[in-house]
Amino acid sequence: MNADLPTTIPAYLERLRRALAGCDPALAQDALYDAEDYLRSELAANPGKSEAEVIAAVAGSYGAPDEVADIYRDTEVKVQTALRPPAPKPRTSPLGRFFGVLVDPHTYGAVFYMLLSLATGIFYFTWVTTGASLSIGLAILIIGIPFFILFVGATRVLALVEGRIVEVMLGERMPRRPLYSDTSLPLLQRIGAMFTDPRTWATMLYFLLMLPLGTVYFAIAVTGIATSLALIATPIAASLGFEGTVMLDGYDLWAMAPPWQWVLAIIAGVLLLFITLHLARFIGRMHGKLAKAMLVSSRAY
């Protein structure tokens, strides 16, 4: 037996956690989940062996903690390279950086996320407020506590779903597996771990924040895109002979504006469209970091 190997599963996971120091916390959560799931499955399949014997037996196939950490780092680089869209070509000139937002795939993912966030924000807010209200209301009944435990557990699953949406649309690496729950532990101990995990309460706060954030994101995306497209399309429609009215404070801008002002309107529309895309990409980056800070468990750090 290798004397350097940990002799218990918690010690193995702690050494793996230290070996993963500096990695993305979402990657660390996935690696710790896989390791704990594998080791406890091997322990359950070999009831006559101790934890130290199981760890020594799988060290050759699964690897020591340092080796596992290196494998996950290498695999993450390969997977991210294969899955991520090609990065846009770096542009050095101010005009290149301004108009280059048009070829950045993350821009469009952020715009779609902002449009979707109104619906998801309403759903998350309703989920948390309804679940919490029913839990309080049913607390005096025998089903109150089981309902609250079920509500909290489902909320943690919902956080995993939101993480997948964030990663796909915003490009922020999020956990692909939940936190491992050791089924060999007593039920009350597992429930206690769920309630003492800060991520549980941070997730509920995140879902509550999604309603105002989603409303603001949706308003920015719709207002920016609709206004810019209107400024671009209206002069083009007028030049093609389409008739209409654009009323502002009782004045018909369509009839009153001379043709040269329509040129300015097109330029203003294009600039506003690109500013909106830049703002969407910035919001997408910031929201990705917020989601990671609130939805990834501190146990992975």
C-alpha atoms as a PDB file:
ATOM      1  CA  MET A   1       0.000   0.000   0.000  1.00  0.00           C
ATOM      2  CA  ASN A   2       1.296   3.459  -0.902  1.00  0.00           C
ATOM      3  CA  ALA A   3       1.960   5.192   2.418  1.00  0.00           C
ATOM      4  CA  ASP A   4       1.311   8.584   0.782  1.00  0.00           C
ATOM      5  CA  LEU A   5      -2.292   7.784  -0.107  1.00  0.00           C
ATOM      6  CA  PRO A   6      -5.089   9.063   2.150  1.00  0.00           C
ATOM      7  CA  THR A   7      -6.674   6.372   4.273  1.00  0.00           C
ATOM      8  CA  THR A   8     -10.216   7.774   4.404  1.00  0.00           C
ATOM      9  CA  ILE A   9     -12.567   9.174   1.780  1.00  0.00           C
ATOM     10  CA  PRO A  10     -12.871  12.608   3.496  1.00  0.00           C
ATOM     11  CA  ALA A  11      -9.052  12.835   3.598  1.00  0.00           C
ATOM     12  CA  TYR A  12      -8.884  11.866  -0.088  1.00  0.00           C
ATOM     13  CA  LEU A  13     -11.431  14.554  -0.996  1.00  0.00           C
ATOM     14  CA  GLU A  14      -9.647  17.175   1.102  1.00  0.00           C
ATOM     15  CA  ARG A  15      -6.353  16.428  -0.629  1.00  0.00           C
ATOM     16  CA  LEU A  16      -8.102  16.548  -4.018  1.00  0.00           C
ATOM     17  CA  ARG A  17      -9.643  19.891  -3.057  1.00  0.00           C
ATOM     18  CA  ARG A  18      -6.200  21.260  -2.196  1.00  0.00           C
ATOM     19  CA  ALA A  19      -4.765  19.879  -5.442  1.00  0.00           C
ATOM     20  CA  LEU A  20      -7.508  21.709  -7.347  1.00  0.00           C
ATOM     21  CA  ALA A  21      -6.701  25.036  -5.664  1.00  0.00           C
ATOM     22  CA  GLY A  22      -6.771  27.821  -8.218  1.00  0.00           C
ATOM     23  CA  CYS A  23      -9.085  25.923 -10.584  1.00  0.00           C
ATOM     24  CA  ASP A  24     -12.509  27.146 -11.551  1.00  0.00           C
ATOM     25  CA  PRO A  25     -14.799  26.388  -8.549  1.00  0.00           C
ATOM     26  CA  ALA A  26     -17.357  24.832 -10.880  1.00  0.00           C
ATOM     27  CA  LEU A  27     -14.705  22.404 -12.150  1.00  0.00           C
ATOM     28  CA  ALA A  28     -13.681  21.638  -8.555  1.00  0.00           C
ATOM     29  CA  GLN A  29     -17.307  20.852  -7.627  1.00  0.00           C
ATOM     30  CA  ASP A  30     -17.616  18.441 -10.557  1.00  0.00           C
ATOM     31  CA  ALA A  31     -14.295  16.746  -9.752  1.00  0.00           C
ATOM     32  CA  LEU A  32     -15.159  16.322  -6.064  1.00  0.00           C
ATOM     33  CA  TYR A  33     -18.590  14.922  -6.961  1.00  0.00           C
ATOM     34  CA  ASP A  34     -17.093  12.364  -9.351  1.00  0.00           C
ATOM     35  CA  ALA A  35     -14.393  11.306  -6.889  1.00  0.00           C
ATOM     36  CA  GLU A  36     -16.744  10.917  -3.930  1.00  0.00           C
ATOM     37  CA  ASP A  37     -19.329   9.092  -6.026  1.00  0.00           C
ATOM     38  CA  TYR A  38     -16.707   6.699  -7.409  1.00  0.00           C
ATOM     39  CA  LEU A  39     -15.023   5.972  -4.071  1.00  0.00           C
ATOM     40  CA  ARG A  40     -18.270   5.403  -2.185  1.00  0.00           C
ATOM     41  CA  SER A  41     -19.578   3.171  -4.977  1.00  0.00           C
ATOM     42  CA  GLU A  42     -16.404   1.079  -4.749  1.00  0.00           C
ATOM     43  CA  LEU A  43     -16.721   0.962  -0.975  1.00  0.00           C
ATOM     44  CA  ALA A  44     -20.331  -0.219  -1.236  1.00  0.00           C
ATOM     45  CA  ALA A  45     -19.329  -2.866  -3.795  1.00  0.00           C
ATOM     46  CA  ASN A  46     -16.623  -4.196  -1.475  1.00  0.00           C
ATOM     47  CA  PRO A  47     -18.217  -4.354   1.992  1.00  0.00           C
ATOM     48  CA  GLY A  48     -15.385  -6.417   3.428  1.00  0.00           C
ATOM     49  CA  LYS A  49     -12.752  -3.767   2.738  1.00  0.00           C
ATOM     50  CA  SER A  50     -11.874  -0.657   4.711  1.00  0.00           C
ATOM     51  CA  GLU A  51     -11.763   2.815   3.153  1.00  0.00           C
ATOM     52  CA  ALA A  52      -7.953   2.664   3.113  1.00  0.00           C
ATOM     53  CA  GLU A  53      -7.989  -0.659   1.234  1.00  0.00           C
ATOM     54  CA  VAL A  54     -10.516   0.627  -1.312  1.00  0.00           C
ATOM     55  CA  ILE A  55      -8.505   3.812  -1.941  1.00  0.00           C
ATOM     56  CA  ALA A  56      -5.317   1.772  -2.367  1.00  0.00           C
ATOM     57  CA  ALA A  57      -7.099  -0.599  -4.762  1.00  0.00           C
ATOM     58  CA  VAL A  58      -8.480   2.155  -7.015  1.00  0.00           C
ATOM     59  CA  ALA A  59      -5.350   4.304  -6.917  1.00  0.00           C
ATOM     60  CA  GLY A  60      -3.977   2.527  -9.987  1.00  0.00           C
ATOM     61  CA  SER A  61      -7.141   2.957 -12.088  1.00  0.00           C
ATOM     62  CA  TYR A  62      -8.748   6.156 -10.786  1.00  0.00           C
ATOM     63  CA  GLY A  63      -5.595   7.845  -9.539  1.00  0.00           C
ATOM     64  CA  ALA A  64      -4.217   9.596  -6.509  1.00  0.00           C
ATOM     65  CA  PRO A  65      -5.674  13.049  -5.687  1.00  0.00           C
ATOM     66  CA  ASP A  66      -2.849  14.950  -7.397  1.00  0.00           C
ATOM     67  CA  GLU A  67      -3.154  12.787 -10.501  1.00  0.00           C
ATOM     68  CA  VAL A  68      -6.935  13.207 -10.616  1.00  0.00           C
ATOM     69  CA  ALA A  69      -6.563  16.981 -10.335  1.00  0.00           C
ATOM     70  CA  ASP A  70      -4.107  17.037 -13.254  1.00  0.00           C
ATOM     71  CA  ILE A  71      -6.457  14.893 -15.365  1.00  0.00           C
ATOM     72  CA  TYR A  72      -9.380  17.230 -14.723  1.00  0.00           C
ATOM     73  CA  ARG A  73      -7.285  20.274 -15.587  1.00  0.00           C
ATOM     74  CA  ASP A  74      -6.152  18.736 -18.883  1.00  0.00           C
ATOM     75  CA  THR A  75      -9.626  17.448 -19.745  1.00  0.00           C
ATOM     76  CA  GLU A  76     -11.202  20.807 -18.977  1.00  0.00           C
ATOM     77  CA  VAL A  77      -8.880  22.551 -21.399  1.00  0.00           C
ATOM     78  CA  LYS A  78      -9.694  20.040 -24.159  1.00  0.00           C
ATOM     79  CA  VAL A  79     -13.453  20.130 -23.522  1.00  0.00           C
ATOM     80  CA  GLN A  80     -13.604  23.912 -23.391  1.00  0.00           C
ATOM     81  CA  THR A  81     -11.555  24.126 -26.581  1.00  0.00           C
ATOM     82  CA  ALA A  82     -13.924  21.724 -28.338  1.00  0.00           C
ATOM     83  CA  LEU A  83     -17.199  23.164 -27.060  1.00  0.00           C
ATOM     84  CA  ARG A  84     -16.598  26.883 -27.020  1.00  0.00           C
ATOM     85  CA  PRO A  85     -17.149  28.844 -30.206  1.00  0.00           C
ATOM     86  CA  PRO A  86     -13.957  30.229 -31.738  1.00  0.00           C
ATOM     87  CA  ALA A  87     -12.909  33.463 -30.084  1.00  0.00           C
ATOM     88  CA  PRO A  88     -13.234  36.529 -32.303  1.00  0.00           C
ATOM     89  CA  LYS A  89     -10.043  37.898 -33.754  1.00  0.00           C
ATOM     90  CA  PRO A  90      -8.504  40.488 -31.391  1.00  0.00           C
ATOM     91  CA  ARG A  91      -8.917  43.981 -32.739  1.00  0.00           C
ATOM     92  CA  THR A  92      -6.605  46.807 -31.767  1.00  0.00           C
ATOM     93  CA  SER A  93      -8.199  49.859 -33.353  1.00  0.00           C
ATOM     94  CA  PRO A  94     -11.057  51.645 -31.520  1.00  0.00           C
ATOM     95  CA  LEU A  95     -13.367  51.176 -34.519  1.00  0.00           C
ATOM     96  CA  GLY A  96     -12.459  47.492 -34.713  1.00  0.00           C
ATOM     97  CA  ARG A  97     -13.253  46.954 -31.040  1.00  0.00           C
ATOM     98  CA  PHE A  98     -16.509  48.902 -31.361  1.00  0.00           C
ATOM     99  CA  PHE A  99     -17.854  47.070 -34.411  1.00  0.00           C
ATOM    100  CA  GLY A 100     -16.191  43.740 -33.538  1.00  0.00           C
ATOM    101  CA  VAL A 101     -18.962  43.043 -31.028  1.00  0.00           C
ATOM    102  CA  LEU A 102     -21.042  41.987 -34.020  1.00  0.00           C
ATOM    103  CA  VAL A 103     -18.955  38.814 -34.584  1.00  0.00           C
ATOM    104  CA  ASP A 104     -18.659  37.793 -30.918  1.00  0.00           C
ATOM    105  CA  PRO A 105     -21.008  34.797 -30.287  1.00  0.00           C
ATOM    106  CA  HIS A 106     -21.269  35.692 -26.593  1.00  0.00           C
ATOM    107  CA  THR A 107     -23.019  38.922 -27.577  1.00  0.00           C
ATOM    108  CA  TYR A 108     -26.004  37.086 -29.033  1.00  0.00           C
ATOM    109  CA  GLY A 109     -26.084  34.610 -26.147  1.00  0.00           C
ATOM    110  CA  ALA A 110     -26.243  37.548 -23.729  1.00  0.00           C
ATOM    111  CA  VAL A 111     -29.053  39.192 -25.731  1.00  0.00           C
ATOM    112  CA  PHE A 112     -31.102  35.973 -25.701  1.00  0.00           C
ATOM    113  CA  TYR A 113     -30.450  35.552 -21.973  1.00  0.00           C
ATOM    114  CA  MET A 114     -31.650  39.104 -21.308  1.00  0.00           C
ATOM    115  CA  LEU A 115     -34.840  38.477 -23.297  1.00  0.00           C
ATOM    116  CA  LEU A 116     -35.397  35.152 -21.510  1.00  0.00           C
ATOM    117  CA  SER A 117     -34.593  36.506 -18.055  1.00  0.00           C
ATOM    118  CA  LEU A 118     -37.977  38.193 -17.640  1.00  0.00           C
ATOM    119  CA  ALA A 119     -39.753  34.828 -17.883  1.00  0.00           C
ATOM    120  CA  THR A 120     -37.191  32.952 -15.788  1.00  0.00           C
ATOM    121  CA  GLY A 121     -37.097  35.770 -13.231  1.00  0.00           C
ATOM    122  CA  ILE A 122     -40.870  35.637 -12.759  1.00  0.00           C
ATOM    123  CA  PHE A 123     -40.766  31.852 -12.472  1.00  0.00           C
ATOM    124  CA  TYR A 124     -37.887  31.808  -9.942  1.00  0.00           C
ATOM    125  CA  PHE A 125     -39.416  34.569  -7.824  1.00  0.00           C
ATOM    126  CA  THR A 126     -42.803  32.851  -7.818  1.00  0.00           C
ATOM    127  CA  TRP A 127     -41.161  29.528  -6.968  1.00  0.00           C
ATOM    128  CA  VAL A 128     -39.327  30.874  -3.910  1.00  0.00           C
ATOM    129  CA  THR A 129     -42.110  33.073  -2.541  1.00  0.00           C
ATOM    130  CA  THR A 130     -44.786  30.413  -3.053  1.00  0.00           C
ATOM    131  CA  GLY A 131     -42.615  27.639  -1.624  1.00  0.00           C
ATOM    132  CA  ALA A 132     -41.606  29.686   1.413  1.00  0.00           C
ATOM    133  CA  SER A 133     -45.181  30.872   2.040  1.00  0.00           C
ATOM    134  CA  LEU A 134     -46.611  27.377   1.814  1.00  0.00           C
ATOM    135  CA  SER A 135     -43.844  26.051   4.077  1.00  0.00           C
ATOM    136  CA  ILE A 136     -44.686  28.634   6.728  1.00  0.00           C
ATOM    137  CA  GLY A 137     -48.416  28.067   6.331  1.00  0.00           C
ATOM    138  CA  LEU A 138     -48.103  24.297   6.565  1.00  0.00           C
ATOM    139  CA  ALA A 139     -45.640  24.409   9.475  1.00  0.00           C
ATOM    140  CA  ILE A 140     -48.402  23.722  11.988  1.00  0.00           C
ATOM    141  CA  LEU A 141     -49.384  20.550  10.121  1.00  0.00           C
ATOM    142  CA  ILE A 142     -47.545  17.262   9.956  1.00  0.00           C
ATOM    143  CA  ILE A 143     -46.758  17.783   6.256  1.00  0.00           C
ATOM    144  CA  GLY A 144     -45.140  21.192   6.862  1.00  0.00           C
ATOM    145  CA  ILE A 145     -41.583  19.993   7.547  1.00  0.00           C
ATOM    146  CA  PRO A 146     -41.485  17.364   4.743  1.00  0.00           C
ATOM    147  CA  PHE A 147     -42.861  19.973   2.343  1.00  0.00           C
ATOM    148  CA  PHE A 148     -40.154  22.472   3.329  1.00  0.00           C
ATOM    149  CA  ILE A 149     -37.405  19.861   2.912  1.00  0.00           C
ATOM    150  CA  LEU A 150     -38.783  18.926  -0.506  1.00  0.00           C
ATOM    151  CA  PHE A 151     -38.992  22.597  -1.498  1.00  0.00           C
ATOM    152  CA  VAL A 152     -35.375  23.272  -0.500  1.00  0.00           C
ATOM    153  CA  GLY A 153     -34.147  20.153  -2.298  1.00  0.00           C
ATOM    154  CA  ALA A 154     -36.020  21.081  -5.476  1.00  0.00           C
ATOM    155  CA  THR A 155     -34.589  24.607  -5.291  1.00  0.00           C
ATOM    156  CA  ARG A 156     -31.057  23.179  -5.310  1.00  0.00           C
ATOM    157  CA  VAL A 157     -31.920  21.148  -8.407  1.00  0.00           C
ATOM    158  CA  LEU A 158     -33.353  24.270 -10.030  1.00  0.00           C
ATOM    159  CA  ALA A 159     -30.051  26.025  -9.346  1.00  0.00           C
ATOM    160  CA  LEU A 160     -28.303  23.364 -11.412  1.00  0.00           C
ATOM    161  CA  VAL A 161     -30.722  24.056 -14.292  1.00  0.00           C
ATOM    162  CA  GLU A 162     -30.079  27.804 -14.088  1.00  0.00           C
ATOM    163  CA  GLY A 163     -26.361  27.060 -14.099  1.00  0.00           C
ATOM    164  CA  ARG A 164     -26.700  25.163 -17.365  1.00  0.00           C
ATOM    165  CA  ILE A 165     -28.632  28.092 -18.908  1.00  0.00           C
ATOM    166  CA  VAL A 166     -25.944  30.530 -17.750  1.00  0.00           C
ATOM    167  CA  GLU A 167     -23.116  28.399 -19.140  1.00  0.00           C
ATOM    168  CA  VAL A 168     -24.786  27.818 -22.516  1.00  0.00           C
ATOM    169  CA  MET A 169     -25.885  31.416 -23.089  1.00  0.00           C
ATOM    170  CA  LEU A 170     -23.285  33.456 -21.209  1.00  0.00           C
ATOM    171  CA  GLY A 171     -20.263  31.161 -21.516  1.00  0.00           C
ATOM    172  CA  GLU A 172     -19.514  31.140 -17.788  1.00  0.00           C
ATOM    173  CA  ARG A 173     -18.332  27.712 -16.581  1.00  0.00           C
ATOM    174  CA  MET A 174     -20.915  26.374 -14.125  1.00  0.00           C
ATOM    175  CA  PRO A 175     -21.225  23.031 -12.284  1.00  0.00           C
ATOM    176  CA  ARG A 176     -22.447  20.139 -14.392  1.00  0.00           C
ATOM    177  CA  ARG A 177     -23.104  17.911 -11.415  1.00  0.00           C
ATOM    178  CA  PRO A 178     -24.820  18.551  -8.092  1.00  0.00           C
ATOM    179  CA  LEU A 179     -23.122  18.353  -4.744  1.00  0.00           C
ATOM    180  CA  TYR A 180     -22.666  14.751  -3.704  1.00  0.00           C
ATOM    181  CA  SER A 181     -25.027  13.479  -1.043  1.00  0.00           C
ATOM    182  CA  ASP A 182     -23.613  10.499   0.830  1.00  0.00           C
ATOM    183  CA  THR A 183     -26.497   8.029   1.026  1.00  0.00           C
ATOM    184  CA  SER A 184     -24.661   6.025   3.689  1.00  0.00           C
ATOM    185  CA  LEU A 185     -25.145   8.864   6.184  1.00  0.00           C
ATOM    186  CA  PRO A 186     -28.296   9.032   8.347  1.00  0.00           C
ATOM    187  CA  LEU A 187     -31.164  10.932   6.702  1.00  0.00           C
ATOM    188  CA  LEU A 188     -31.206  13.671   9.341  1.00  0.00           C
ATOM    189  CA  GLN A 189     -27.479  14.272   8.870  1.00  0.00           C
ATOM    190  CA  ARG A 190     -27.952  14.668   5.098  1.00  0.00           C
ATOM    191  CA  ILE A 191     -30.846  17.067   5.628  1.00  0.00           C
ATOM    192  CA  GLY A 192     -28.760  19.022   8.113  1.00  0.00           C
ATOM    193  CA  ALA A 193     -25.929  19.321   5.579  1.00  0.00           C
ATOM    194  CA  MET A 194     -28.389  20.698   3.038  1.00  0.00           C
ATOM    195  CA  PHE A 195     -29.634  23.392   5.423  1.00  0.00           C
ATOM    196  CA  THR A 196     -26.156  24.362   6.647  1.00  0.00           C
ATOM    197  CA  ASP A 197     -24.816  24.742   3.106  1.00  0.00           C
ATOM    198  CA  PRO A 198     -24.609  28.505   2.380  1.00  0.00           C
ATOM    199  CA  ARG A 199     -25.364  27.781  -1.284  1.00  0.00           C
ATOM    200  CA  THR A 200     -28.919  26.789  -0.339  1.00  0.00           C
ATOM    201  CA  TRP A 201     -29.744  30.256   0.960  1.00  0.00           C
ATOM    202  CA  ALA A 202     -27.632  32.067  -1.634  1.00  0.00           C
ATOM    203  CA  THR A 203     -29.617  30.250  -4.319  1.00  0.00           C
ATOM    204  CA  MET A 204     -32.922  31.472  -2.887  1.00  0.00           C
ATOM    205  CA  LEU A 205     -31.594  35.026  -2.729  1.00  0.00           C
ATOM    206  CA  TYR A 206     -30.398  34.713  -6.332  1.00  0.00           C
ATOM    207  CA  PHE A 207     -33.853  33.569  -7.454  1.00  0.00           C
ATOM    208  CA  LEU A 208     -35.469  36.528  -5.676  1.00  0.00           C
ATOM    209  CA  LEU A 209     -33.012  38.933  -7.317  1.00  0.00           C
ATOM    210  CA  MET A 210     -33.769  37.495 -10.734  1.00  0.00           C
ATOM    211  CA  LEU A 211     -37.154  39.226 -10.860  1.00  0.00           C
ATOM    212  CA  PRO A 212     -35.828  42.821 -10.728  1.00  0.00           C
ATOM    213  CA  LEU A 213     -32.695  41.900 -12.655  1.00  0.00           C
ATOM    214  CA  GLY A 214     -34.696  40.058 -15.317  1.00  0.00           C
ATOM    215  CA  THR A 215     -37.081  42.985 -15.671  1.00  0.00           C
ATOM    216  CA  VAL A 216     -34.195  45.435 -16.143  1.00  0.00           C
ATOM    217  CA  TYR A 217     -32.367  43.116 -18.559  1.00  0.00           C
ATOM    218  CA  PHE A 218     -35.509  42.611 -20.655  1.00  0.00           C
ATOM    219  CA  ALA A 219     -36.294  46.351 -20.727  1.00  0.00           C
ATOM    220  CA  ILE A 220     -32.746  47.244 -21.809  1.00  0.00           C
ATOM    221  CA  ALA A 221     -32.665  44.621 -24.559  1.00  0.00           C
ATOM    222  CA  VAL A 222     -36.121  45.370 -25.961  1.00  0.00           C
ATOM    223  CA  THR A 223     -35.830  49.163 -25.735  1.00  0.00           C
ATOM    224  CA  GLY A 224     -32.332  49.296 -27.215  1.00  0.00           C
ATOM    225  CA  ILE A 225     -32.989  46.908 -30.084  1.00  0.00           C
ATOM    226  CA  ALA A 226     -36.480  48.206 -30.933  1.00  0.00           C
ATOM    227  CA  THR A 227     -35.439  51.869 -30.891  1.00  0.00           C
ATOM    228  CA  SER A 228     -32.315  51.325 -32.965  1.00  0.00           C
ATOM    229  CA  LEU A 229     -34.126  49.211 -35.548  1.00  0.00           C
ATOM    230  CA  ALA A 230     -36.908  51.809 -35.774  1.00  0.00           C
ATOM    231  CA  LEU A 231     -34.378  54.591 -36.384  1.00  0.00           C
ATOM    232  CA  ILE A 232     -32.773  52.524 -39.140  1.00  0.00           C
ATOM    233  CA  ALA A 233     -35.926  51.186 -40.796  1.00  0.00           C
ATOM    234  CA  THR A 234     -38.111  54.306 -40.764  1.00  0.00           C
ATOM    235  CA  PRO A 235     -35.996  56.452 -43.172  1.00  0.00           C
ATOM    236  CA  ILE A 236     -35.510  53.455 -45.455  1.00  0.00           C
ATOM    237  CA  ALA A 237     -39.261  52.886 -45.546  1.00  0.00           C
ATOM    238  CA  ALA A 238     -39.850  56.595 -46.263  1.00  0.00           C
ATOM    239  CA  SER A 239     -37.337  56.569 -49.136  1.00  0.00           C
ATOM    240  CA  LEU A 240     -39.145  53.568 -50.637  1.00  0.00           C
ATOM    241  CA  GLY A 241     -42.398  55.484 -50.708  1.00  0.00           C
ATOM    242  CA  PHE A 242     -44.118  53.998 -47.692  1.00  0.00           C
ATOM    243  CA  GLU A 243     -46.325  56.490 -45.907  1.00  0.00           C
ATOM    244  CA  GLY A 244     -46.859  56.732 -42.200  1.00  0.00           C
ATOM    245  CA  THR A 245     -46.592  58.899 -39.114  1.00  0.00           C
ATOM    246  CA  VAL A 246     -44.074  59.198 -36.293  1.00  0.00           C
ATOM    247  CA  MET A 247     -45.729  61.320 -33.610  1.00  0.00           C
ATOM    248  CA  LEU A 248     -43.795  63.046 -30.824  1.00  0.00           C
ATOM    249  CA  ASP A 249     -45.581  65.562 -28.598  1.00  0.00           C
ATOM    250  CA  GLY A 250     -48.198  66.146 -31.286  1.00  0.00           C
ATOM    251  CA  TYR A 251     -45.699  66.716 -34.117  1.00  0.00           C
ATOM    252  CA  ASP A 252     -45.519  64.379 -37.082  1.00  0.00           C
ATOM    253  CA  LEU A 253     -41.771  63.826 -37.413  1.00  0.00           C
ATOM    254  CA  TRP A 254     -42.297  61.742 -40.538  1.00  0.00           C
ATOM    255  CA  ALA A 255     -43.794  64.703 -42.424  1.00  0.00           C
ATOM    256  CA  MET A 256     -41.707  67.490 -40.883  1.00  0.00           C
ATOM    257  CA  ALA A 257     -38.198  66.021 -40.992  1.00  0.00           C
ATOM    258  CA  PRO A 258     -36.157  66.890 -44.083  1.00  0.00           C
ATOM    259  CA  PRO A 259     -34.394  64.026 -45.885  1.00  0.00           C
ATOM    260  CA  TRP A 260     -30.928  64.846 -44.489  1.00  0.00           C
ATOM    261  CA  GLN A 261     -32.236  64.274 -40.983  1.00  0.00           C
ATOM    262  CA  TRP A 262     -33.227  60.748 -41.953  1.00  0.00           C
ATOM    263  CA  VAL A 263     -29.552  60.091 -42.660  1.00  0.00           C
ATOM    264  CA  LEU A 264     -28.733  61.194 -39.138  1.00  0.00           C
ATOM    265  CA  ALA A 265     -31.505  58.914 -37.884  1.00  0.00           C
ATOM    266  CA  ILE A 266     -29.922  55.901 -39.622  1.00  0.00           C
ATOM    267  CA  ILE A 267     -26.488  56.737 -38.177  1.00  0.00           C
ATOM    268  CA  ALA A 268     -27.991  57.182 -34.707  1.00  0.00           C
ATOM    269  CA  GLY A 269     -29.816  53.855 -35.060  1.00  0.00           C
ATOM    270  CA  VAL A 270     -26.649  51.972 -36.027  1.00  0.00           C
ATOM    271  CA  LEU A 271     -24.682  53.526 -33.150  1.00  0.00           C
ATOM    272  CA  LEU A 272     -27.472  52.740 -30.678  1.00  0.00           C
ATOM    273  CA  LEU A 273     -27.640  49.140 -31.923  1.00  0.00           C
ATOM    274  CA  PHE A 274     -23.909  48.591 -31.359  1.00  0.00           C
ATOM    275  CA  ILE A 275     -24.041  50.306 -27.964  1.00  0.00           C
ATOM    276  CA  THR A 276     -26.879  47.972 -27.001  1.00  0.00           C
ATOM    277  CA  LEU A 277     -24.846  44.927 -28.096  1.00  0.00           C
ATOM    278  CA  HIS A 278     -21.839  46.128 -26.062  1.00  0.00           C
ATOM    279  CA  LEU A 279     -24.079  46.678 -23.054  1.00  0.00           C
ATOM    280  CA  ALA A 280     -25.611  43.205 -23.477  1.00  0.00           C
ATOM    281  CA  ARG A 281     -22.189  41.574 -23.599  1.00  0.00           C
ATOM    282  CA  PHE A 282     -21.093  43.482 -20.491  1.00  0.00           C
ATOM    283  CA  ILE A 283     -24.267  42.523 -18.610  1.00  0.00           C
ATOM    284  CA  GLY A 284     -23.792  38.899 -19.691  1.00  0.00           C
ATOM    285  CA  ARG A 285     -20.265  38.806 -18.262  1.00  0.00           C
ATOM    286  CA  MET A 286     -21.267  40.442 -14.996  1.00  0.00           C
ATOM    287  CA  HIS A 287     -24.322  38.230 -14.555  1.00  0.00           C
ATOM    288  CA  GLY A 288     -22.239  35.119 -15.219  1.00  0.00           C
ATOM    289  CA  LYS A 289     -19.907  36.087 -12.382  1.00  0.00           C
ATOM    290  CA  LEU A 290     -22.888  36.826 -10.114  1.00  0.00           C
ATOM    291  CA  ALA A 291     -24.414  33.423 -10.879  1.00  0.00           C
ATOM    292  CA  LYS A 292     -21.146  31.642 -10.150  1.00  0.00           C
ATOM    293  CA  ALA A 293     -20.680  33.515  -6.864  1.00  0.00           C
ATOM    294  CA  MET A 294     -24.182  32.658  -5.642  1.00  0.00           C
ATOM    295  CA  LEU A 295     -24.891  29.220  -7.158  1.00  0.00           C
ATOM    296  CA  VAL A 296     -21.552  27.404  -6.788  1.00  0.00           C
ATOM    297  CA  SER A 297     -21.056  25.862  -3.385  1.00  0.00           C
ATOM    298  CA  SER A 298     -18.302  27.133  -1.120  1.00  0.00           C
ATOM    299  CA  ARG A 299     -17.534  23.459  -0.375  1.00  0.00           C
ATOM    300  CA  ALA A 300     -15.826  23.350  -3.769  1.00  0.00           C
ATOM    301  CA  TYR A 301     -13.290  26.042  -2.896  1.00  0.00           C
END
